[in-house]
Every structure is written in C-alpha cells, then in structure tokens.
Protein backbone atom coordinates (compact mmCIF):
# COMPACT_ATOMS: atom_id res chain seq x y z
CA UNK A 1 71.05 47.67 29.61
CA UNK A 2 71.31 51.46 29.85
CA UNK A 3 68.11 53.50 30.10
CA UNK A 4 68.49 56.96 28.62
CA UNK A 5 65.98 59.79 28.85
CA UNK A 6 66.48 62.39 26.13
CA UNK A 7 65.02 65.81 26.90
CA UNK A 8 64.45 68.23 24.04
CA UNK A 9 62.67 71.57 23.68
CA UNK A 10 60.45 70.42 20.79
CA UNK A 11 60.33 67.42 18.46
CA UNK A 12 58.03 68.51 15.65
CA UNK A 13 59.36 68.00 12.11
CA UNK A 14 59.63 71.77 11.75
CA UNK A 15 62.14 72.00 14.60
CA UNK A 16 65.00 71.14 12.27
CA UNK A 17 68.19 69.18 12.92
CA UNK A 18 67.59 67.94 16.49
CA UNK A 19 64.18 66.58 15.45
CA UNK A 20 66.10 64.17 13.21
CA UNK A 21 69.43 63.64 14.91
CA UNK A 22 68.04 62.72 18.33
CA UNK A 23 65.56 60.08 17.06
CA UNK A 24 68.11 58.56 14.66
CA UNK A 25 70.64 58.31 17.50
CA UNK A 26 68.00 56.71 19.70
CA UNK A 27 67.12 54.18 17.02
CA UNK A 28 70.72 53.04 16.65
CA UNK A 29 71.16 52.89 20.44
CA UNK A 30 68.05 50.71 20.64
CA UNK A 31 69.74 48.37 18.15
CA UNK A 32 72.60 48.07 20.65
CA UNK A 33 70.17 46.96 23.36
CA UNK A 34 69.52 50.28 25.11
CA UNK A 35 66.22 51.57 26.45
CA UNK A 36 65.48 55.02 25.01
CA UNK A 37 62.73 57.55 25.62
CA UNK A 38 62.52 61.09 24.32
CA UNK A 39 60.60 63.63 26.38
CA UNK A 40 59.71 66.93 24.75
CA UNK A 41 57.53 69.99 25.00
CA UNK A 42 54.58 70.48 22.67
CA UNK A 43 53.78 73.96 21.32
CA UNK A 44 50.86 73.16 19.03
CA UNK A 45 48.35 70.42 18.39
CA UNK A 46 49.04 67.69 15.83
CA UNK A 47 52.82 67.87 16.08
CA UNK A 48 54.49 64.97 14.29
CA UNK A 49 57.96 63.54 13.85
CA UNK A 50 58.49 61.25 10.88
CA UNK A 51 61.65 59.62 12.30
CA UNK A 52 60.03 58.82 15.66
CA UNK A 53 57.12 57.24 13.81
CA UNK A 54 59.32 55.35 11.34
CA UNK A 55 61.55 53.89 14.06
CA UNK A 56 58.65 53.35 16.50
CA UNK A 57 60.45 55.13 19.32
CA UNK A 58 59.12 55.78 22.82
CA UNK A 59 58.15 59.43 22.90
CA UNK A 60 56.29 61.55 25.45
CA UNK A 61 55.41 65.22 25.12
CA UNK A 62 53.89 67.78 27.49
CA UNK A 63 51.96 70.84 26.46
CA UNK A 64 53.63 74.18 27.22
CA UNK A 65 51.84 76.39 29.72
CA UNK A 66 51.58 80.19 29.59
CA UNK A 67 53.68 81.40 26.62
CA UNK A 68 55.99 79.62 24.20
CA UNK A 69 58.94 81.66 25.42
CA UNK A 70 58.58 80.29 28.96
CA UNK A 71 58.69 76.70 27.62
CA UNK A 72 57.28 75.59 30.96
CA UNK A 73 55.28 72.47 31.68
CA UNK A 74 54.46 71.51 35.29
CA UNK A 75 54.16 67.78 34.62
CA UNK A 76 57.51 67.11 32.97
CA UNK A 77 59.59 67.01 36.17
CA UNK A 78 57.38 64.55 38.04
CA UNK A 79 57.08 62.34 34.98
CA UNK A 80 60.86 62.16 34.61
CA UNK A 81 61.30 61.30 38.29
CA UNK A 82 58.68 58.55 37.98
CA UNK A 83 60.31 57.06 34.89
CA UNK A 84 63.79 57.10 36.42
CA UNK A 85 62.52 55.31 39.53
CA UNK A 86 61.22 52.51 37.27
CA UNK A 87 64.52 51.86 35.45
CA UNK A 88 68.14 50.89 36.15
CA UNK A 89 71.43 52.34 34.82
CA UNK A 90 69.73 55.63 33.98
CA UNK A 91 71.24 58.58 32.13
CA UNK A 92 69.66 61.97 31.48
CA UNK A 93 70.73 63.50 28.18
CA UNK A 94 69.33 66.94 27.39
CA UNK A 95 69.69 68.75 24.08
CA UNK A 96 68.75 72.39 24.71
CA UNK A 97 69.79 75.58 26.43
CA UNK A 98 68.04 78.83 27.38
CA UNK A 99 64.74 77.26 28.50
CA UNK A 100 63.00 75.04 31.03
CA UNK A 101 64.58 71.77 29.84
CA UNK A 102 68.03 72.30 31.47
CA UNK A 103 66.40 73.29 34.75
CA UNK A 104 64.42 70.06 34.88
CA UNK A 105 67.30 67.87 33.72
CA UNK A 106 69.73 69.18 36.32
CA UNK A 107 67.22 69.28 39.19
CA UNK A 108 66.17 65.67 38.59
CA UNK A 109 69.77 64.54 38.05
CA UNK A 110 70.72 65.95 41.44
CA UNK A 111 67.63 64.59 43.21
CA UNK A 112 67.93 61.08 41.76
CA UNK A 113 71.76 60.88 41.60
CA UNK A 114 71.67 60.18 37.87
CA UNK A 115 74.44 61.20 35.42
CA UNK A 116 73.57 64.08 33.11
CA UNK A 117 74.88 64.76 29.60
CA UNK A 118 74.29 68.06 27.80
CA UNK A 119 74.41 68.59 24.03
CA UNK A 120 74.60 72.37 23.34
CA UNK A 121 73.66 71.79 19.65
CA UNK A 122 75.71 74.73 18.42
CA UNK A 123 74.37 77.23 20.95
CA UNK A 124 77.83 78.07 22.28
CA UNK A 125 79.22 79.42 19.03
CA UNK A 126 79.90 83.14 19.12
CA UNK A 127 77.20 83.98 16.54
CA UNK A 128 74.56 82.10 18.53
CA UNK A 129 75.60 83.63 21.84
CA UNK A 130 75.41 87.15 20.38
CA UNK A 131 71.82 86.62 19.25
CA UNK A 132 69.66 87.60 22.23
CA UNK A 133 72.88 88.38 24.09
CA UNK A 134 71.43 89.90 27.28
CA UNK A 135 68.95 87.09 27.90
CA UNK A 136 71.55 84.42 27.28
CA UNK A 137 74.18 86.12 29.41
CA UNK A 138 71.71 86.35 32.28
CA UNK A 139 70.70 82.69 31.87
CA UNK A 140 74.35 81.60 31.76
CA UNK A 141 75.26 83.54 34.87
CA UNK A 142 72.27 82.35 36.90
CA UNK A 143 71.94 78.74 35.75
CA UNK A 144 73.72 77.35 32.74
CA UNK A 145 77.37 77.98 33.63
CA UNK A 146 76.88 75.93 36.79
CA UNK A 147 75.03 73.28 34.79
CA UNK A 148 77.94 72.98 32.33
CA UNK A 149 80.51 72.76 35.10
CA UNK A 150 78.58 70.06 36.96
CA UNK A 151 77.66 67.96 33.90
CA UNK A 152 79.15 64.49 33.67
CA UNK A 153 79.97 65.30 30.06
CA UNK A 154 79.30 67.95 27.41
CA UNK A 155 78.59 66.35 24.02
CA UNK A 156 79.67 68.16 20.84
CA UNK A 157 79.41 67.09 17.22
CA UNK A 158 82.51 68.67 15.64
CA UNK A 159 86.03 69.86 16.41
CA UNK A 160 84.83 73.42 15.86
CA UNK A 161 82.16 73.03 18.53
CA UNK A 162 84.71 71.41 20.83
CA UNK A 163 86.93 74.50 20.47
CA UNK A 164 83.95 76.80 21.11
CA UNK A 165 83.14 74.97 24.35
CA UNK A 166 86.76 74.81 25.52
CA UNK A 167 87.16 78.53 24.81
CA UNK A 168 84.48 79.25 27.44
CA UNK A 169 86.55 77.47 30.09
CA UNK A 170 84.09 74.89 31.39
CA UNK A 171 85.55 72.24 33.70
CA UNK A 172 83.48 69.27 32.59
CA UNK A 173 84.88 66.74 30.11
CA UNK A 174 83.77 67.13 26.50
CA UNK A 175 82.86 64.20 24.25
CA UNK A 176 83.26 64.62 20.47
CA UNK A 177 80.73 62.43 18.65
CA UNK A 178 79.53 63.61 15.21
CA UNK A 179 75.98 63.09 14.02
CA UNK A 180 75.23 60.61 11.27
CA UNK A 181 73.00 60.39 8.24
CA UNK A 182 70.50 57.71 7.26
CA UNK A 183 72.24 56.34 4.17
CA UNK A 184 69.36 53.99 3.35
CA UNK A 185 67.12 56.92 2.43
CA UNK A 186 69.36 57.70 -0.55
CA UNK A 187 70.19 54.20 -1.80
CA UNK A 188 67.41 53.92 -4.36
CA UNK A 189 67.11 57.39 -5.77
CA UNK A 190 65.48 57.84 -9.18
CA UNK A 191 66.54 60.00 -12.07
CA UNK A 192 66.52 63.77 -11.70
CA UNK A 193 63.69 63.95 -14.24
CA UNK A 194 61.51 61.58 -12.18
CA UNK A 195 62.14 63.49 -8.95
CA UNK A 196 61.26 66.77 -10.64
CA UNK A 197 58.10 65.24 -12.09
CA UNK A 198 57.05 64.19 -8.58
CA UNK A 199 57.49 67.83 -7.49
CA UNK A 200 55.59 69.12 -10.53
CA UNK A 201 58.68 70.88 -11.87
CA UNK A 202 60.14 71.08 -15.38
CA UNK A 203 63.44 69.43 -16.22
CA UNK A 204 64.18 72.29 -18.62
CA UNK A 205 65.73 74.16 -15.70
CA UNK A 206 68.63 73.64 -13.32
CA UNK A 207 67.91 73.97 -9.63
CA UNK A 208 69.68 75.22 -6.53
CA UNK A 209 68.24 73.61 -3.39
CA UNK A 210 67.98 75.38 -0.04
CA UNK A 211 66.74 73.00 2.65
CA UNK A 212 66.19 74.16 6.22
CA UNK A 213 64.23 76.39 8.52
CA UNK A 214 63.65 79.86 7.16
CA UNK A 215 65.25 82.03 9.82
CA UNK A 216 68.02 84.61 9.89
CA UNK A 217 70.67 82.16 11.10
CA UNK A 218 70.38 80.08 7.91
CA UNK A 219 71.13 83.03 5.60
CA UNK A 220 68.54 82.58 2.85
CA UNK A 221 68.74 86.32 2.12
CA UNK A 222 72.37 85.92 1.01
CA UNK A 223 71.33 83.26 -1.51
CA UNK A 224 68.62 85.52 -2.90
CA UNK A 225 70.99 88.49 -3.12
CA UNK A 226 73.58 86.43 -5.01
CA UNK A 227 70.97 84.81 -7.24
CA UNK A 228 69.69 88.15 -8.53
CA UNK A 229 73.08 88.83 -10.11
CA UNK A 230 73.55 85.21 -11.20
CA UNK A 231 70.04 84.85 -12.60
CA UNK A 232 70.31 87.81 -14.96
CA UNK A 233 72.81 85.91 -17.12
CA UNK A 234 71.57 82.42 -16.26
CA UNK A 235 67.79 82.37 -16.75
CA UNK A 236 67.84 78.55 -16.92
CA UNK A 237 68.41 78.31 -13.15
CA UNK A 238 65.83 78.40 -10.35
CA UNK A 239 65.90 78.00 -6.57
CA UNK A 240 63.92 75.40 -4.63
CA UNK A 241 63.27 76.53 -1.06
CA UNK A 242 62.26 73.61 1.17
CA UNK A 243 61.59 74.38 4.81
CA UNK A 244 59.14 75.93 7.27
CA UNK A 245 58.84 79.68 7.87
CA UNK A 246 60.30 79.45 11.36
CA UNK A 247 60.65 83.23 11.53
CA UNK A 248 57.62 84.68 9.74
CA UNK A 249 58.98 88.22 9.61
CA UNK A 250 62.25 87.05 8.07
CA UNK A 251 60.38 84.85 5.59
CA UNK A 252 58.28 87.83 4.49
CA UNK A 253 61.41 89.95 4.18
CA UNK A 254 63.10 87.39 1.91
CA UNK A 255 59.98 86.81 -0.17
CA UNK A 256 59.32 90.51 -0.70
CA UNK A 257 62.97 91.14 -1.57
CA UNK A 258 63.14 88.52 -4.33
CA UNK A 259 59.75 89.50 -5.76
CA UNK A 260 60.60 93.21 -5.78
CA UNK A 261 63.77 92.33 -7.70
CA UNK A 262 61.65 90.65 -10.39
CA UNK A 263 62.75 87.09 -9.63
CA UNK A 264 59.66 85.82 -7.85
CA UNK A 265 58.99 83.30 -10.64
CA UNK A 266 62.48 81.84 -10.17
CA UNK A 267 61.71 80.66 -6.62
CA UNK A 268 59.80 77.45 -5.87
CA UNK A 269 58.50 77.51 -2.30
CA UNK A 270 57.87 73.92 -1.19
CA UNK A 271 57.31 74.68 2.47
CA UNK A 272 58.00 71.93 5.01
CA UNK A 273 58.85 68.67 3.20
CA UNK A 274 58.93 65.17 4.66
CA UNK A 275 59.08 61.60 3.41
CA UNK A 276 59.31 61.03 -0.33
CA UNK A 277 58.84 64.72 -1.13
CA UNK A 278 61.99 65.52 0.82
CA UNK A 279 63.98 62.96 -1.18
CA UNK A 280 62.47 64.38 -4.39
CA UNK A 281 63.79 67.82 -3.43
CA UNK A 282 67.32 66.47 -3.08
CA UNK A 283 67.01 64.30 -6.19
CA UNK A 284 65.69 67.10 -8.38
CA UNK A 285 68.45 69.57 -7.53
CA UNK A 286 71.79 70.20 -9.22
CA UNK A 287 73.43 72.08 -6.35
CA UNK A 288 72.82 72.45 -2.61
CA UNK A 289 73.41 75.83 -0.94
CA UNK A 290 73.18 76.57 2.78
CA UNK A 291 74.57 80.09 3.46
CA UNK A 292 74.34 79.64 7.22
CA UNK A 293 75.96 81.80 9.87
CA UNK A 294 76.62 78.85 12.17
CA UNK A 295 76.07 75.07 12.39
CA UNK A 296 77.41 72.54 14.88
CA UNK A 297 76.91 69.80 12.26
CA UNK A 298 74.21 70.46 9.68
CA UNK A 299 72.09 67.38 9.03
CA UNK A 300 70.84 68.80 5.71
CA UNK A 301 74.43 69.14 4.50
CA UNK A 302 75.11 65.49 5.27
CA UNK A 303 71.88 64.52 3.52
CA UNK A 304 72.75 66.57 0.44
CA UNK A 305 76.14 64.86 0.26
CA UNK A 306 74.43 61.46 0.57
CA UNK A 307 72.23 62.39 -2.38
CA UNK A 308 75.35 63.18 -4.40
CA UNK A 309 74.77 66.93 -4.46
CA UNK A 310 77.74 69.28 -4.63
CA UNK A 311 77.47 71.66 -1.67
CA UNK A 312 78.17 75.33 -1.14
CA UNK A 313 78.15 76.31 2.52
CA UNK A 314 80.11 78.51 4.90
CA UNK A 315 83.09 78.37 7.21
CA UNK A 316 80.54 78.64 10.02
CA UNK A 317 80.02 74.89 9.53
CA UNK A 318 82.42 71.99 10.30
CA UNK A 319 82.55 70.84 6.67
CA UNK A 320 85.93 72.00 5.33
CA UNK A 321 86.39 68.49 3.86
CA UNK A 322 83.82 69.48 1.21
CA UNK A 323 86.29 71.94 -0.26
CA UNK A 324 89.39 69.88 0.46
CA UNK A 325 87.98 66.85 -1.36
CA UNK A 326 86.34 68.62 -4.32
CA UNK A 327 82.75 68.10 -3.26
CA UNK A 328 81.81 71.79 -3.33
CA UNK A 329 82.90 75.15 -1.94
CA UNK A 330 83.31 76.54 1.57
CA UNK A 331 83.04 80.34 1.75
CA UNK A 332 83.18 83.19 4.22
CA UNK A 333 79.61 84.43 4.24
CA UNK A 334 78.87 87.40 2.01
CA UNK A 335 77.07 87.97 -1.27
CA UNK A 336 80.24 88.32 -3.35
CA UNK A 337 81.74 85.03 -2.17
CA UNK A 338 78.49 83.15 -2.63
CA UNK A 339 77.94 84.51 -6.14
CA UNK A 340 81.48 83.54 -7.12
CA UNK A 341 81.03 80.01 -5.78
CA UNK A 342 77.77 79.50 -7.69
CA UNK A 343 79.37 80.83 -10.87
CA UNK A 344 82.40 78.60 -10.39
CA UNK A 345 80.18 75.57 -10.06
CA UNK A 346 78.15 76.54 -13.11
CA UNK A 347 81.32 76.89 -15.17
CA UNK A 348 82.60 73.40 -14.35
CA UNK A 349 82.70 70.76 -17.07
CA UNK A 350 80.13 67.98 -16.81
CA UNK A 351 82.79 65.43 -15.88
CA UNK A 352 83.95 67.73 -13.06
CA UNK A 353 80.41 67.98 -11.71
CA UNK A 354 80.14 64.18 -11.78
CA UNK A 355 83.44 63.96 -9.91
CA UNK A 356 82.04 66.36 -7.30
CA UNK A 357 78.93 64.23 -6.94
CA UNK A 358 80.97 61.08 -6.37
CA UNK A 359 83.19 62.84 -3.84
CA UNK A 360 80.10 64.09 -2.00
CA UNK A 361 78.78 60.55 -1.60
CA UNK A 362 82.16 59.30 -0.40
CA UNK A 363 82.30 61.98 2.30
CA UNK A 364 78.78 61.15 3.49
CA UNK A 365 79.67 57.48 3.96
CA UNK A 366 81.90 58.43 6.90
CA UNK A 367 78.92 59.60 8.94
CA UNK A 368 76.72 56.72 10.06
CA UNK A 369 74.31 56.54 12.96
CA UNK A 370 75.73 53.13 13.91
CA UNK A 371 79.14 54.70 14.58
CA UNK A 372 77.57 57.61 16.47
CA UNK A 373 75.57 55.20 18.63
CA UNK A 374 78.58 53.00 19.39
CA UNK A 375 80.52 56.03 20.61
CA UNK A 376 77.55 57.37 22.56
CA UNK A 377 77.16 53.98 24.23
CA UNK A 378 80.76 54.24 25.41
CA UNK A 379 80.13 57.76 26.67
CA UNK A 380 77.14 56.58 28.70
CA UNK A 381 79.04 53.56 30.03
CA UNK A 382 81.90 55.81 31.08
CA UNK A 383 79.62 58.23 32.95
CA UNK A 384 78.15 55.22 34.77
CA UNK A 385 81.63 54.04 35.75
CA UNK A 386 81.48 50.87 33.65
CA UNK A 387 84.47 51.48 31.36
CA UNK A 388 87.66 53.56 31.14
CA UNK A 389 87.58 56.99 29.51
CA UNK A 390 87.14 56.72 25.71
CA UNK A 391 89.67 58.44 23.43
CA UNK A 392 87.08 60.92 22.14
CA UNK A 393 86.69 62.53 25.58
CA UNK A 394 88.66 65.76 26.01
C-alpha cells in the first residue's frame, strides 16, 4: 500500500479546479488500495469541500498566520513529518507554486528521504508566469527552479502543459496524466425545463452558461463584450454566471460594464454553486462558454461536455478535440472571435446542435478518474522504485 500526502494551498469549494480534481483523484486511488490524505491551508472559517465530504476523504487543514499572501502556517511542517513517520511507502505530492506549500514539501521530502511529485496546475504557462512576473521570477530563482530540478517527477495534465514545462528546460522527468470527470453526476439529468425550474428561471429563454471563478484569467469580460452585440439582435438569450467573485475588483468591473450597457437584466448571477444546483446550471443551459486565457485542463469544460453542452473555449486550453469532433468551437481570445462563435452556434440547425451534444458526451467519456488513478498509481510506484518507467513519462 502506498501512502500519499497531497499538499494544496486551499481546498474550499471556491478554490476552483484543484478543489475538485485532487479529491476525485484521491477517491479513485483509495479504490485501488492506497492511503490518501490531503493537507491544506485554511483562509477563513467554515470552509467546505463537497467532494471531500462526499467521498469521506482524510483531510487536515491549518489556519494561515499573518496575511493570506504569506500562506504560512507553523504547524504544517511538523504535522507532515509526524504523519510520514507513521506510514510506509510514502509519497509527497504537492499541487501549488509561489507559496509556502512547496517550501514545506521539499524540506520534508529531503529530511525524510521521501519522493516528491509536483503538479504545477497550469502555473508554468506563459500567461500565468507573466501575471505577477517579478514576484514569480524571484521565487523561481530562489526556490522553485531547484525544486523542479530535484523533483522525482513533474505531473502535467495535457500535452500543452508538457510542452510548457519542457520549454523551461527542467531536468526532472515529466508525467502526463490528464484529469478526469465524475460521469455519475451527469447520468440522471432531467429535462432542461426541470433544471431551469429548480433555478427559478423561465424556459422562454436560451442560456449561455459561464461556470468558474470570476477573475481576470477566466475572461468573463470578453463574454460580456461579445454578448452586448449578440444580445441586441437576440433578446431571447441570457447568460448564467455561476462562480465565486474570486477577484472582487474584477467582478465589480464586469458587473458595472454589463449594467452600463443596458444588459443587466440579461445576466443571472448564481454565485458559488454546489451539489444539485451546480447540475441544474449545466442542465438548464444551451451553450457553455469559458473565454479563458489559460487552462492546464479545465474541469468545468469536462463537466459541460459530460452534460452534453456544446462548448466554446479558447486555444489557451488543451481541448482542440472539441472543434475537431464538432462539439463546439475553439477560438483565439478576442471579442470578435467569440461573437462569431456564438452566432455560428445560434445559426445551427436543431439536428446539428443535437449532434454537437452527442459528440460532447462522447469526448467526455474518455476522461475518467479511474484511468487517471491507475496512471498515477504507476507514477508513484515508479518513483518508489517498484516498477519500470511508464510510457507516459517524458
């Protein structure tokens, strides 16, 4: 049995993709007979994670001291050392950069002679590196470059992320293991009318769904800019925005922009959605749009496909198969391209939209947490010297 300790910056539902992908991976690894514990930092009281609770996972969190930006907790290091000393065949797998988590993971790995895996989670794409460039460059030069070069393996979730990591010249091997999606959540979906009723929305309209954190990286402003032009000639369409205001200033900017343009009544702000309400958001929509600058995977895209939603997203994601297999449109991010894609979808015949929906579901079926866990198990076994190098290690 392999005992893995997953370290993550934060695990609240509002944290986005990693708050889902890490627990789902853990759950499937548990099914393979592994021992899993996730250790995170806590930034506010009453933080919750619906996947951790649903799968009954072992989870420990430590309150952040001083300021949120320091992401420091004095008890995390000693707790990790204690837990490692109690287990056998241990692996440390951390899922963050630019904060206290990598420092702890690498210090304890060295002290306890335990293999360490790092998942950059998209942070090594050019767009991400350029955001807060000076801080990140300093952190890389002082700590993280050495951490990458000494890691037993760097885990990436797409070929695009693999190329981004290789471009930076790190010496450590890189393991390509995509995320999955919980297919069971979407097996018993109701009619669109029922899902809309649950949300208190009218089925007299068509809906574009945006699901994700409201922050500049996700590009909600581009959707609003395109919708103003689209909405003038298509008043039967509205936008559902489902996600927390992760960047309050950016949220206010988007909200004021759409209201000043006279389209405030065309936007339904659901806020953070979990459980059945989240499924209702997918089930009530006609089209999913994520105009993101950069994604290493994009759990919400996989979920939208599982729900049978045609998807419009950007070439900053690893989802070119959406366009290649007629499940939506992949665009270079700007207002003109996004507007054209929405109009092209709207102009499709009903049978073409149904074909898109079926293609979306077929793509999603390729991404299962069972397959991700089986590959991750091999990665862990390889770092422990138990098996030969798997074919997904580069």
